[in-house]
Each structure stands twice: as C-alpha cells, then as structure tokens.
Amino acid sequence: MAEGTIKRLTDKGFGFISNDSGTDLFFHMSALDGCRFEELREGQKVSYEEGRGPKGPRAENVRPI
C-alpha cells in the first residue's frame, strides 16, 4: 500500500491525498477502510491503494496510519 498525507477535506464527504511524488489523489468517504470520515484531519498520514476513477486516479481503501 502507498502512503500519503491528507491535503484537504470537504464538508461533502470527499478529500484529497498528497503523495510523495507530488500527485494529489481524490477520495470519497465510501473509500475509507476502518475509520469514519469525521475522524480524519488535514495533515494526517494515511495508507491507500491507487485506483482509477472516471476523472482520473483516486485513492481506495484509505486507512489512517
């Protein structure tokens, strides 16, 4: 699994993860594994799997580290 940092969260249930290569990945609260969206904070480290969405890369199976 890859690791990154939560860059931004919205009040609509989605956010963005910044990875080490500088790419931002979209994620939706339905992609969380083992936590609730309300428990996440900007700047928090997470692990994830990179997947493909209709608009480009997205993070799946997102878990706090």
Protein backbone atom coordinates (compact mmCIF):
# COMPACT_ATOMS: atom_id res chain seq x y z
CA MET A 1 0.00 0.00 0.00
CA ALA A 2 1.11 3.53 -0.72
CA GLU A 3 1.27 6.29 1.90
CA GLY A 4 0.39 9.95 1.77
CA THR A 5 -0.95 12.93 3.71
CA ILE A 6 -4.47 14.28 3.69
CA LYS A 7 -4.20 17.60 1.94
CA ARG A 8 -7.81 18.77 2.03
CA LEU A 9 -11.20 17.60 3.33
CA THR A 10 -14.60 18.98 2.36
CA ASP A 11 -17.94 19.02 4.15
CA LYS A 12 -19.39 16.97 1.27
CA GLY A 13 -17.57 13.75 2.18
CA PHE A 14 -14.54 13.81 -0.07
CA GLY A 15 -10.96 14.94 0.07
CA PHE A 16 -7.52 14.82 -1.49
CA ILE A 17 -4.38 12.94 -0.51
CA SER A 18 -0.93 14.23 -1.44
CA ASN A 19 1.66 11.51 -2.08
CA ASP A 20 5.47 11.62 -2.10
CA SER A 21 5.64 12.21 -5.85
CA GLY A 22 3.54 15.37 -5.51
CA THR A 23 0.41 13.93 -7.08
CA ASP A 24 -2.94 14.67 -5.45
CA LEU A 25 -5.43 11.80 -5.36
CA PHE A 26 -9.16 12.24 -4.91
CA PHE A 27 -11.00 10.05 -2.39
CA HIS A 28 -14.62 9.73 -1.30
CA MET A 29 -15.76 8.70 2.15
CA SER A 30 -17.01 5.41 0.65
CA ALA A 31 -13.30 4.53 0.03
CA LEU A 32 -12.45 4.57 3.76
CA ASP A 33 -11.46 1.34 5.46
CA GLY A 34 -11.54 1.06 9.24
CA CYS A 35 -12.46 4.65 10.09
CA ARG A 36 -15.15 7.26 9.63
CA PHE A 37 -14.77 10.41 7.55
CA GLU A 38 -15.36 12.57 10.65
CA GLU A 39 -12.26 11.04 12.31
CA LEU A 40 -9.87 12.26 9.58
CA ARG A 41 -7.91 15.52 9.82
CA GLU A 42 -5.90 17.53 7.29
CA GLY A 43 -2.21 16.74 7.63
CA GLN A 44 -2.90 13.19 8.84
CA LYS A 45 -0.86 10.31 7.38
CA VAL A 46 -2.85 7.59 5.61
CA SER A 47 -2.21 4.46 3.59
CA TYR A 48 -4.19 3.72 0.43
CA GLU A 49 -4.32 1.81 -2.82
CA GLU A 50 -4.32 3.78 -6.06
CA GLY A 51 -7.27 3.12 -8.32
CA ARG A 52 -8.81 4.62 -11.41
CA GLY A 53 -11.99 6.71 -11.37
CA PRO A 54 -14.00 8.30 -14.19
CA LYS A 55 -12.00 11.53 -13.84
CA GLY A 56 -8.53 10.07 -13.22
CA PRO A 57 -6.58 8.50 -10.35
CA ARG A 58 -8.25 8.08 -6.99
CA ALA A 59 -7.42 6.60 -3.62
CA GLU A 60 -9.19 3.45 -2.43
CA ASN A 61 -9.06 1.51 0.86
CA VAL A 62 -7.89 4.62 2.72
CA ARG A 63 -6.79 3.97 6.34
CA PRO A 64 -5.15 6.21 8.95
CA ILE A 65 -1.61 5.22 9.92
